[in-house]
Amino acid sequence: MRLSPGALIFGERSCSDSDIEAAARRVAAGLQSQGIRENDAVAVILRNDIPYFIIHEASHYLGFDVVPVNWHLKPAEVDFILADCRAGAVIVHADLLTEELVEVIKDSPVIVVNPPAEILQGYGAKPGEHIRDPRFLDWDDWMEESRPHAAPDKNFRPPLFYTSGSSGRPKAVLRNNVTPDIAARISARTSYTWGFDQTPIRSVMTGPLYHSAPNGYANMVLQSGGTLVLAPRFNAEGLLALIERYEITHLHLVPTMFVRLLALPDEVRTKYRHDSLVHVTHGAAPCPADVKRRMIDWWGDVIHEYYAMTETGIITCSTSRQWLERPGTVGCPAPGVAIEIRDKRGNRLKPLEEGIICVKHEGTDCVTYLNAQKASGLHQNGFLVTGDIGYLDEEGFLFVSSRQSDMVISGGVNIYPAEIEAELLAMEDVIDCAVFGIPDAEFGEKLVAIIENTGMLDKDEVVAYLKIRIADYKVPGIYEFVDRLPREDSGKIKKKHIKEEYLAKLKSGNLRFSQSFLRHI
């Protein structure tokens, strides 16, 4: 099915660029009538839906900050974000309203969006089964009553994304003093990395728009004159069907999606055509080597990888061929990016020496955090400190070992869980895993491994496997086996939450780490 450029499609609905612009002018005027002014914040608690793009466009007219909020968050976590950004209004899907969330948002102007059938079906909800509050505005009625905003000029304003908060509270990433030239160079690097120099662009977005990468990717498809098919959530066979139906050329995926695609029966995988694909990019989480090789064998050399942060944007990129020549690399520096590996004192390390990954490009000096007078430790000698651990090889290709915040110190020795997780992921019957440290009276910390598996593993087998592959001090002493690990919609394991809940169980004396417990994370 061939599509006209610049279209946004969701189920049976479609919008052109002009449709989105016309709706955005009404939203801008409507928010202005609710007291929203330039530099104010508007919180968006929505699943993947067309209003996301309309609100994003409206921010360019009125000059407010769009704050995408992860709808998985608990009300107390939402409350923190709303207070931190001083949200002047909240736009929320009706089916996400709970009594607890209503208490958090009720003092702001609230606009409620009725979810379309695709979202209701995708999440098992029924129309009309949600809280109704007379204080809240209905999105459709509110837009209909709003006269289009008359401002002729638009100024690009990126969303205000909160980081996941690997330690402490989440922080909103700010970019100050970004000139049009800097913005253009960052955009060009991103476009190159995501293959948008290859046209036409027809893409499917299944990742959650509250995350910076899917949000940026989806908006850039439309800004590049491409066609975007929006999905409420990821479904492996459903994605293959969309690729064939719309002759999709570009995709943005995460490794978990690869795993679920590869898990499809052969008769399903061969049922759909995918020869329209020209550039499939993945990031957000490490990809097991075997999974990536199998995807390249299946889809060909269209598989690309990138490494990025909300703070920095694109850092590196890699083609299939580059990765096959250097398995495990996340690529070489993207155009305009410089990378240095430094020790804790800020000294630059040599190739193959592991240390802290530091990055510099035209926009890194502009990065800070909302409500942080000083972003302590973020900048060092002209570079931005990522907090990740890794090394560069002799040819300048980057390998990422672990998050600095994940580091475990046991008996005075630094241990990086990602190294252990990589070994576990290579083991037969291991589907995925999370390794972290917990307090230990003798060694300071000891290692725990939570393993998603097929049900065929036991502790002795895993220990024996690891002991021939990594040093004894890196082998975890505690193991829990589960049939599913909790994840964000982005595909990332909720590692921080797993660790917090495990520590809470440990403190209470209830050491059983059950699957039913995991389902509540």
Protein backbone atom coordinates (compact mmCIF):
# COMPACT_ATOMS: atom_id res chain seq x y z
CA MET A 1 0.00 0.00 0.00
CA ARG A 2 1.65 3.23 -1.15
CA LEU A 3 1.16 6.38 0.86
CA SER A 4 1.49 10.08 0.24
CA PRO A 5 4.44 11.74 2.04
CA GLY A 6 3.97 13.61 5.29
CA ALA A 7 1.16 11.40 6.55
CA LEU A 8 0.56 10.25 10.12
CA ILE A 9 -1.51 7.06 10.30
CA PHE A 10 -3.05 5.38 13.33
CA GLY A 11 -5.48 2.57 12.63
CA GLU A 12 -8.18 3.91 10.32
CA ARG A 13 -7.28 7.55 10.98
CA SER A 14 -4.76 9.61 9.05
CA CYS A 15 -3.48 13.18 9.28
CA SER A 16 -1.52 15.28 6.83
CA ASP A 17 1.00 17.96 7.79
CA SER A 18 -1.67 20.61 7.28
CA ASP A 19 -4.15 18.68 9.45
CA ILE A 20 -1.65 18.54 12.32
CA GLU A 21 -0.78 22.22 11.90
CA ALA A 22 -4.44 23.30 11.95
CA ALA A 23 -5.13 21.24 15.08
CA ALA A 24 -1.94 22.55 16.72
CA ARG A 25 -3.08 26.15 16.25
CA ARG A 26 -6.31 25.33 18.09
CA VAL A 27 -4.42 23.58 20.90
CA ALA A 28 -2.06 26.55 21.23
CA ALA A 29 -5.02 28.94 21.52
CA GLY A 30 -6.83 26.63 23.92
CA LEU A 31 -3.83 26.32 26.21
CA GLN A 32 -3.31 30.05 26.08
CA SER A 33 -6.87 30.49 27.31
CA GLN A 34 -5.99 28.20 30.22
CA GLY A 35 -3.17 30.55 31.21
CA ILE A 36 -0.26 28.79 29.48
CA ARG A 37 2.44 31.23 28.38
CA GLU A 38 5.91 31.07 26.88
CA ASN A 39 8.32 28.95 28.98
CA ASP A 40 5.49 27.30 30.91
CA ALA A 41 5.27 23.49 31.05
CA VAL A 42 2.47 21.21 29.84
CA ALA A 43 2.60 17.62 31.09
CA VAL A 44 1.49 14.92 28.65
CA ILE A 45 0.38 11.57 30.10
CA LEU A 46 -0.61 9.74 26.94
CA ARG A 47 -0.09 6.42 25.28
CA ASN A 48 1.00 6.53 21.64
CA ASP A 49 -1.63 8.67 19.93
CA ILE A 50 -2.00 11.46 17.37
CA PRO A 51 -2.49 14.20 20.02
CA TYR A 52 1.17 13.75 21.01
CA PHE A 53 2.21 15.25 17.66
CA ILE A 54 -0.41 17.99 17.75
CA ILE A 55 0.74 19.11 21.21
CA HIS A 56 4.37 19.01 20.09
CA GLU A 57 3.55 21.25 17.14
CA ALA A 58 1.51 23.62 19.34
CA SER A 59 4.55 24.16 21.57
CA HIS A 60 6.35 25.79 18.64
CA TYR A 61 3.62 28.41 18.32
CA LEU A 62 3.17 29.22 21.99
CA GLY A 63 6.69 28.52 23.28
CA PHE A 64 5.80 26.16 26.13
CA ASP A 65 7.67 23.03 27.18
CA VAL A 66 6.05 19.69 26.42
CA VAL A 67 6.84 17.32 29.31
CA PRO A 68 6.23 13.68 28.27
CA VAL A 69 5.42 11.65 31.39
CA ASN A 70 5.85 7.88 31.56
CA TRP A 71 2.32 6.66 32.19
CA HIS A 72 3.69 3.63 34.07
CA LEU A 73 4.74 5.92 36.91
CA LYS A 74 2.96 5.81 40.24
CA PRO A 75 0.98 8.93 41.23
CA ALA A 76 3.65 10.01 43.72
CA GLU A 77 6.26 9.88 40.95
CA VAL A 78 4.00 11.87 38.62
CA ASP A 79 3.45 14.36 41.42
CA PHE A 80 7.19 14.93 41.72
CA ILE A 81 7.55 15.64 38.00
CA LEU A 82 4.56 18.00 37.89
CA ALA A 83 5.93 19.93 40.84
CA ASP A 84 9.50 19.94 39.52
CA CYS A 85 8.55 21.36 36.10
CA ARG A 86 5.73 23.50 37.56
CA ALA A 87 3.27 22.09 35.05
CA GLY A 88 0.60 24.62 34.14
CA ALA A 89 -1.66 22.02 32.52
CA VAL A 90 -1.99 18.25 32.15
CA ILE A 91 -3.19 16.34 29.08
CA VAL A 92 -4.07 12.72 29.86
CA HIS A 93 -5.74 9.70 28.28
CA ALA A 94 -9.06 8.94 29.96
CA ASP A 95 -8.27 5.27 30.59
CA LEU A 96 -5.17 6.21 32.59
CA LEU A 97 -7.15 8.16 35.16
CA THR A 98 -7.28 6.59 38.60
CA GLU A 99 -8.57 8.09 41.81
CA GLU A 100 -4.98 8.48 43.01
CA LEU A 101 -3.87 10.22 39.81
CA VAL A 102 -6.90 12.53 39.88
CA GLU A 103 -5.83 13.68 43.35
CA VAL A 104 -2.38 14.53 41.97
CA ILE A 105 -3.50 16.46 38.87
CA LYS A 106 -6.82 18.00 39.97
CA ASP A 107 -5.40 21.41 40.87
CA SER A 108 -4.14 22.02 37.32
CA PRO A 109 -6.19 22.57 34.18
CA VAL A 110 -6.69 19.00 32.90
CA ILE A 111 -7.64 18.07 29.33
CA VAL A 112 -8.81 14.47 28.93
CA VAL A 113 -8.27 12.62 25.63
CA ASN A 114 -10.61 9.72 24.90
CA PRO A 115 -8.40 6.84 23.70
CA PRO A 116 -9.12 5.46 20.23
CA ALA A 117 -10.20 1.88 19.64
CA GLU A 118 -6.63 0.76 18.85
CA ILE A 119 -5.43 1.78 22.31
CA LEU A 120 -8.43 0.31 24.08
CA GLN A 121 -7.94 -2.97 22.25
CA GLY A 122 -4.17 -2.98 22.73
CA TYR A 123 -4.43 -2.52 26.48
CA GLY A 124 -7.59 -4.48 27.17
CA ALA A 125 -9.69 -1.47 28.18
CA LYS A 126 -13.32 -0.75 27.37
CA PRO A 127 -14.80 2.55 26.17
CA GLY A 128 -16.38 4.65 28.89
CA GLU A 129 -14.82 2.68 31.75
CA HIS A 130 -12.94 5.54 33.30
CA ILE A 131 -13.27 8.22 35.93
CA ARG A 132 -15.20 11.31 34.87
CA ASP A 133 -14.54 14.58 36.66
CA PRO A 134 -16.59 17.71 35.89
CA ARG A 135 -13.52 19.87 36.50
CA PHE A 136 -11.71 18.32 33.53
CA LEU A 137 -12.03 19.42 29.90
CA ASP A 138 -12.81 17.03 27.04
CA TRP A 139 -10.10 17.20 24.36
CA ASP A 140 -12.46 17.08 21.36
CA ASP A 141 -14.95 19.63 22.72
CA TRP A 142 -12.17 21.88 23.97
CA MET A 143 -10.43 21.90 20.58
CA GLU A 144 -13.69 22.54 18.75
CA GLU A 145 -14.34 25.59 20.92
CA SER A 146 -10.81 27.00 20.51
CA ARG A 147 -10.21 29.49 17.72
CA PRO A 148 -6.93 28.91 15.84
CA HIS A 149 -3.89 30.69 17.20
CA ALA A 150 -2.96 33.54 14.91
CA ALA A 151 0.82 33.62 15.46
CA PRO A 152 2.46 33.26 12.04
CA ASP A 153 5.91 32.23 13.24
CA LYS A 154 7.11 28.99 14.76
CA ASN A 155 10.18 28.46 16.93
CA PHE A 156 11.36 24.89 17.40
CA ARG A 157 11.18 23.83 21.04
CA PRO A 158 12.31 20.31 22.00
CA PRO A 159 10.31 18.40 24.63
CA LEU A 160 11.50 18.46 28.23
CA PHE A 161 12.42 14.84 28.95
CA TYR A 162 13.06 13.48 32.40
CA THR A 163 15.88 10.98 32.69
CA SER A 164 15.09 7.57 34.17
CA GLY A 165 16.89 8.47 37.37
CA SER A 166 19.34 5.58 37.80
CA SER A 167 20.15 7.11 41.17
CA GLY A 168 18.01 9.56 43.10
CA ARG A 169 15.15 11.55 41.60
CA PRO A 170 14.67 11.88 37.82
CA LYS A 171 16.04 15.06 36.27
CA ALA A 172 14.72 17.09 33.35
CA VAL A 173 17.34 17.71 30.68
CA LEU A 174 17.68 21.35 29.60
CA ARG A 175 19.51 22.75 26.61
CA ASN A 176 20.31 26.42 27.05
CA ASN A 177 21.56 28.84 24.41
CA VAL A 178 21.08 26.44 21.51
CA THR A 179 21.52 28.61 18.44
CA PRO A 180 19.86 27.77 15.10
CA ASP A 181 23.27 26.68 13.79
CA ILE A 182 23.83 24.28 16.71
CA ALA A 183 20.30 22.89 16.37
CA ALA A 184 20.81 22.34 12.63
CA ARG A 185 24.08 20.46 13.14
CA ILE A 186 22.58 18.22 15.84
CA SER A 187 19.59 17.52 13.59
CA ALA A 188 21.85 16.67 10.63
CA ARG A 189 23.85 14.19 12.73
CA THR A 190 20.68 12.54 14.00
CA SER A 191 19.19 12.35 10.51
CA TYR A 192 22.39 10.75 9.17
CA THR A 193 22.54 8.20 12.01
CA TRP A 194 18.93 7.16 11.52
CA GLY A 195 19.32 6.82 7.77
CA PHE A 196 16.99 9.66 6.84
CA ASP A 197 19.32 10.65 3.99
CA GLN A 198 17.80 7.63 2.24
CA THR A 199 14.38 8.58 0.92
CA PRO A 200 11.47 8.03 0.74
CA ILE A 201 10.90 7.43 4.45
CA ARG A 202 8.05 5.18 5.57
CA SER A 203 8.25 4.06 9.17
CA VAL A 204 6.36 2.37 12.00
CA MET A 205 6.72 3.60 15.57
CA THR A 206 5.93 1.06 18.27
CA GLY A 207 8.16 2.45 21.03
CA PRO A 208 6.58 4.70 23.68
CA LEU A 209 6.55 8.40 22.84
CA TYR A 210 7.30 9.34 26.44
CA HIS A 211 10.88 8.19 25.79
CA SER A 212 13.22 10.63 24.07
CA ALA A 213 14.48 8.32 21.29
CA PRO A 214 11.10 7.06 19.97
CA ASN A 215 9.66 10.56 20.36
CA GLY A 216 12.53 12.19 18.49
CA TYR A 217 12.57 9.51 15.81
CA ALA A 218 8.82 9.73 15.17
CA ASN A 219 8.83 13.52 14.95
CA MET A 220 11.87 13.53 12.68
CA VAL A 221 10.13 11.13 10.27
CA LEU A 222 7.33 13.66 9.85
CA GLN A 223 9.68 16.66 9.76
CA SER A 224 11.61 14.92 6.97
CA GLY A 225 8.43 14.62 4.91
CA GLY A 226 8.07 10.92 5.63
CA THR A 227 5.08 8.77 6.48
CA LEU A 228 4.68 7.46 10.01
CA VAL A 229 2.43 4.55 10.98
CA LEU A 230 1.77 4.73 14.70
CA ALA A 231 1.14 1.60 16.79
CA PRO A 232 -0.20 1.61 20.37
CA ARG A 233 2.38 -0.96 21.45
CA PHE A 234 4.78 -3.54 20.04
CA ASN A 235 3.50 -6.81 18.61
CA ALA A 236 6.00 -8.95 16.72
CA GLU A 237 3.76 -10.40 14.01
CA GLY A 238 1.78 -7.16 13.89
CA LEU A 239 4.97 -5.28 13.01
CA LEU A 240 5.79 -7.71 10.20
CA ALA A 241 2.28 -7.22 8.81
CA LEU A 242 2.69 -3.42 8.89
CA ILE A 243 6.09 -3.63 7.18
CA GLU A 244 4.55 -5.55 4.29
CA ARG A 245 1.31 -3.54 4.10
CA TYR A 246 2.92 -0.10 4.05
CA GLU A 247 6.24 -1.06 2.38
CA ILE A 248 8.11 0.27 5.39
CA THR A 249 11.65 1.54 4.74
CA HIS A 250 12.88 2.71 8.17
CA LEU A 251 12.48 1.33 11.69
CA HIS A 252 13.62 2.21 15.21
CA LEU A 253 13.69 -0.88 17.47
CA VAL A 254 15.20 -2.11 20.73
CA PRO A 255 16.89 -5.51 21.30
CA THR A 256 13.87 -6.96 23.11
CA MET A 257 11.86 -6.45 19.93
CA PHE A 258 14.52 -8.38 18.01
CA VAL A 259 14.21 -11.23 20.50
CA ARG A 260 10.43 -11.35 20.13
CA LEU A 261 10.64 -11.18 16.34
CA LEU A 262 13.12 -14.06 16.28
CA ALA A 263 10.89 -16.08 18.62
CA LEU A 264 8.12 -16.18 16.01
CA PRO A 265 7.61 -19.56 14.32
CA ASP A 266 9.36 -19.94 10.97
CA GLU A 267 6.04 -20.07 9.14
CA VAL A 268 5.12 -16.65 10.56
CA ARG A 269 8.52 -15.08 9.90
CA THR A 270 8.46 -16.21 6.26
CA LYS A 271 4.84 -15.21 5.75
CA TYR A 272 5.56 -11.48 5.37
CA ARG A 273 7.78 -9.56 2.97
CA HIS A 274 10.38 -7.18 4.39
CA ASP A 275 12.44 -6.36 1.29
CA SER A 276 11.30 -2.71 1.44
CA LEU A 277 13.51 -2.11 4.51
CA VAL A 278 16.60 0.02 3.92
CA HIS A 279 17.60 1.21 7.42
CA VAL A 280 16.68 -0.47 10.72
CA THR A 281 18.31 1.20 13.71
CA HIS A 282 18.45 -0.01 17.30
CA GLY A 283 19.68 1.39 20.60
CA ALA A 284 18.56 1.94 24.22
CA ALA A 285 20.00 -1.34 25.57
CA PRO A 286 22.81 -3.83 24.85
CA CYS A 287 21.94 -6.35 22.18
CA PRO A 288 23.11 -9.95 22.69
CA ALA A 289 25.59 -10.86 19.97
CA ASP A 290 23.71 -13.96 18.85
CA VAL A 291 20.45 -12.02 18.57
CA LYS A 292 22.07 -9.36 16.40
CA ARG A 293 23.76 -11.91 14.13
CA ARG A 294 20.44 -13.69 13.60
CA MET A 295 18.69 -10.41 12.75
CA ILE A 296 21.41 -9.58 10.21
CA ASP A 297 21.10 -13.08 8.75
CA TRP A 298 17.32 -12.57 8.47
CA TRP A 299 16.98 -8.94 7.36
CA GLY A 300 20.43 -8.36 5.86
CA ASP A 301 22.86 -5.49 6.30
CA VAL A 302 20.07 -2.96 6.89
CA ILE A 303 20.64 -3.35 10.67
CA HIS A 304 22.33 -0.31 12.24
CA GLU A 305 23.12 0.54 15.86
CA TYR A 306 23.62 3.77 17.74
CA TYR A 307 24.64 4.82 21.24
CA ALA A 308 23.08 7.95 22.72
CA MET A 309 21.86 9.67 25.87
CA THR A 310 19.00 12.07 26.49
CA GLU A 311 21.64 14.60 27.55
CA THR A 312 23.87 14.26 24.49
CA GLY A 313 21.77 12.93 21.64
CA ILE A 314 23.61 10.68 19.18
CA ILE A 315 27.16 9.70 20.20
CA THR A 316 28.13 6.78 17.95
CA CYS A 317 26.70 4.77 15.08
CA SER A 318 27.54 1.45 13.47
CA THR A 319 26.63 -0.41 10.29
CA SER A 320 26.07 -4.16 10.10
CA ARG A 321 29.44 -4.68 8.46
CA GLN A 322 31.27 -2.62 11.10
CA TRP A 323 29.61 -4.58 13.87
CA LEU A 324 30.34 -7.96 12.27
CA GLU A 325 34.00 -6.97 12.02
CA ARG A 326 34.02 -5.84 15.68
CA PRO A 327 31.27 -7.75 17.53
CA GLY A 328 30.03 -5.84 20.56
CA THR A 329 30.91 -2.35 19.39
CA VAL A 330 28.30 0.42 19.50
CA GLY A 331 30.12 2.11 16.64
CA CYS A 332 32.51 4.95 15.96
CA PRO A 333 31.86 8.62 16.78
CA ALA A 334 29.02 10.11 14.75
CA PRO A 335 29.95 13.14 12.59
CA GLY A 336 30.96 16.07 14.79
CA VAL A 337 31.37 14.00 17.98
CA ALA A 338 34.61 13.56 19.95
CA ILE A 339 34.96 10.78 22.53
CA GLU A 340 37.55 10.40 25.26
CA ILE A 341 37.91 7.65 27.86
CA ARG A 342 39.04 9.05 31.19
CA ASP A 343 39.91 7.75 34.62
CA LYS A 344 38.30 9.06 37.81
CA ARG A 345 40.83 11.90 38.00
CA GLY A 346 39.96 13.10 34.51
CA ASN A 347 43.11 11.78 32.83
CA ARG A 348 42.69 10.58 29.25
CA LEU A 349 43.24 6.84 28.82
CA LYS A 350 44.80 4.97 25.92
CA PRO A 351 42.99 2.67 23.45
CA LEU A 352 41.69 -0.55 25.06
CA GLU A 353 41.91 0.98 28.56
CA GLU A 354 38.53 0.95 30.27
CA GLY A 355 37.23 4.09 31.93
CA ILE A 356 34.52 6.75 31.96
CA ILE A 357 33.09 7.68 28.55
CA CYS A 358 33.26 11.46 27.96
CA VAL A 359 31.71 13.19 24.96
CA LYS A 360 31.98 16.53 23.20
CA HIS A 361 30.10 18.11 20.31
CA GLU A 362 28.68 21.52 19.45
CA GLY A 363 25.76 21.11 21.87
CA THR A 364 27.24 19.47 24.96
CA ASP A 365 28.15 22.78 26.62
CA CYS A 366 24.45 23.73 26.45
CA VAL A 367 23.28 20.79 28.56
CA THR A 368 22.17 21.18 32.16
CA TYR A 369 19.28 20.03 34.36
CA LEU A 370 16.10 21.82 35.36
CA ASN A 371 16.20 23.35 38.84
CA ALA A 372 19.87 22.44 39.19
CA GLN A 373 21.98 25.52 39.83
CA LYS A 374 24.98 23.44 38.98
CA ALA A 375 25.00 20.08 37.19
CA SER A 376 27.64 18.59 39.46
CA GLY A 377 30.05 16.32 37.63
CA LEU A 378 28.25 16.60 34.29
CA HIS A 379 31.01 18.58 32.56
CA GLN A 380 34.74 18.03 32.82
CA ASN A 381 37.47 19.82 30.89
CA GLY A 382 35.21 20.70 27.98
CA PHE A 383 33.58 17.25 27.75
CA LEU A 384 30.27 15.89 29.05
CA VAL A 385 30.68 12.93 31.42
CA THR A 386 28.18 10.25 30.40
CA GLY A 387 28.44 8.08 33.51
CA ASP A 388 29.01 5.02 31.32
CA ILE A 389 32.07 2.79 31.45
CA GLY A 390 33.79 1.61 28.26
CA TYR A 391 36.81 1.73 26.01
CA LEU A 392 37.87 2.69 22.49
CA ASP A 393 39.75 0.23 20.30
CA GLU A 394 42.76 1.24 18.18
CA GLU A 395 40.47 2.32 15.32
CA GLY A 396 38.27 4.50 17.52
CA PHE A 397 35.26 2.16 17.85
CA LEU A 398 33.51 2.36 21.21
CA PHE A 399 32.63 -0.59 23.45
CA VAL A 400 30.33 0.09 26.42
CA SER A 401 30.83 -2.03 29.54
CA SER A 402 28.37 -0.69 32.08
CA ARG A 403 26.71 2.27 33.71
CA GLN A 404 29.01 3.86 36.27
CA SER A 405 26.08 3.89 38.71
CA ASP A 406 25.71 0.09 38.29
CA MET A 407 29.24 -0.58 39.48
CA VAL A 408 29.51 -2.97 42.43
CA ILE A 409 32.46 -2.80 44.84
CA SER A 410 33.06 -6.11 46.58
CA GLY A 411 36.12 -6.61 48.73
CA GLY A 412 37.55 -3.39 47.31
CA VAL A 413 37.28 -4.64 43.72
CA ASN A 414 35.19 -2.87 41.08
CA ILE A 415 32.72 -5.18 39.30
CA TYR A 416 30.61 -4.17 36.31
CA PRO A 417 27.30 -6.11 36.15
CA ALA A 418 27.01 -5.68 32.36
CA GLU A 419 30.00 -7.99 31.93
CA ILE A 420 28.28 -10.72 33.95
CA GLU A 421 24.96 -10.13 32.20
CA ALA A 422 26.65 -10.52 28.80
CA GLU A 423 28.01 -13.93 29.83
CA LEU A 424 24.63 -15.03 31.16
CA LEU A 425 22.87 -13.94 27.98
CA ALA A 426 25.15 -16.22 25.98
CA MET A 427 24.02 -19.22 28.05
CA GLU A 428 21.44 -21.57 26.62
CA ASP A 429 18.02 -21.29 28.29
CA VAL A 430 18.75 -17.75 29.59
CA ILE A 431 16.28 -15.30 28.05
CA ASP A 432 17.36 -12.17 29.93
CA CYS A 433 18.78 -11.17 33.28
CA ALA A 434 19.51 -8.41 35.78
CA VAL A 435 22.62 -8.40 37.96
CA PHE A 436 23.13 -5.94 40.81
CA GLY A 437 24.82 -5.53 44.17
CA ILE A 438 23.29 -5.62 47.65
CA PRO A 439 24.93 -4.73 50.98
CA ASP A 440 27.19 -7.34 52.57
CA ALA A 441 28.69 -7.09 56.05
CA GLU A 442 32.00 -8.71 55.07
CA PHE A 443 32.70 -7.53 51.51
CA GLY A 444 30.68 -4.32 51.31
CA GLU A 445 28.49 -5.65 48.50
CA LYS A 446 27.61 -9.01 47.02
CA LEU A 447 26.10 -9.87 43.67
CA VAL A 448 22.55 -11.00 42.93
CA ALA A 449 21.42 -12.39 39.56
CA ILE A 450 17.74 -12.45 38.61
CA ILE A 451 17.41 -14.67 35.55
CA GLU A 452 14.52 -14.91 33.11
CA ASN A 453 14.78 -18.43 31.73
CA THR A 454 12.99 -21.36 30.13
CA GLY A 455 12.65 -23.20 33.44
CA MET A 456 15.51 -25.59 32.68
CA LEU A 457 18.24 -23.95 34.82
CA ASP A 458 19.43 -24.25 38.40
CA LYS A 459 22.02 -22.39 40.46
CA ASP A 460 24.74 -25.03 40.28
CA GLU A 461 24.55 -25.15 36.51
CA VAL A 462 24.81 -21.38 36.18
CA VAL A 463 27.69 -21.12 38.66
CA ALA A 464 29.63 -23.83 36.86
CA TYR A 465 29.02 -22.05 33.55
CA LEU A 466 30.19 -18.66 34.83
CA LYS A 467 33.23 -19.95 36.70
CA ILE A 468 34.88 -21.04 33.50
CA ARG A 469 34.20 -17.68 31.84
CA ILE A 470 34.75 -14.96 34.43
CA ALA A 471 36.86 -14.50 37.57
CA ASP A 472 35.45 -16.07 40.74
CA TYR A 473 34.94 -12.69 42.39
CA LYS A 474 32.57 -11.74 39.56
CA VAL A 475 30.35 -14.80 39.98
CA PRO A 476 27.11 -13.88 41.81
CA GLY A 477 26.40 -15.67 45.06
CA ILE A 478 22.60 -15.29 44.95
CA TYR A 479 20.29 -16.41 42.13
CA GLU A 480 16.57 -16.11 41.50
CA PHE A 481 14.90 -17.73 38.49
CA VAL A 482 11.73 -16.22 36.99
CA ASP A 483 9.71 -16.74 33.82
CA ARG A 484 9.49 -13.02 33.00
CA LEU A 485 11.34 -9.88 34.03
CA PRO A 486 9.40 -6.59 34.24
CA ARG A 487 10.16 -4.07 31.48
CA GLU A 488 9.41 -0.57 30.34
CA ASP A 489 7.61 -0.22 26.99
CA SER A 490 11.01 0.79 25.60
CA GLY A 491 12.24 -2.76 26.25
CA LYS A 492 14.51 -1.82 29.13
CA ILE A 493 14.39 -4.07 32.18
CA LYS A 494 13.19 -2.21 35.28
CA LYS A 495 16.46 -2.97 36.99
CA LYS A 496 16.35 -0.12 39.48
CA HIS A 497 12.88 -1.14 40.65
CA ILE A 498 13.82 -4.83 40.85
CA LYS A 499 16.78 -3.97 43.07
CA GLU A 500 14.73 -1.65 45.30
CA GLU A 501 12.02 -4.26 45.80
CA TYR A 502 14.58 -7.00 46.43
CA LEU A 503 16.21 -4.88 49.15
CA ALA A 504 12.80 -4.19 50.67
CA LYS A 505 12.05 -7.92 50.76
CA LEU A 506 15.46 -8.58 52.28
CA LYS A 507 14.86 -5.98 55.00
CA SER A 508 11.47 -7.44 55.85
CA GLY A 509 12.92 -10.93 56.17
CA ASN A 510 10.76 -12.26 53.32
CA LEU A 511 13.46 -13.63 51.04
CA ARG A 512 11.17 -15.23 48.49
CA PHE A 513 11.42 -13.33 45.20
CA SER A 514 8.33 -14.66 43.45
CA GLN A 515 7.06 -14.17 39.92
CA SER A 516 3.84 -12.67 41.30
CA PHE A 517 5.96 -10.08 43.07
CA LEU A 518 7.72 -9.19 39.82
CA ARG A 519 4.41 -8.64 38.05
CA HIS A 520 3.67 -5.77 40.39
CA ILE A 521 6.83 -3.84 39.47
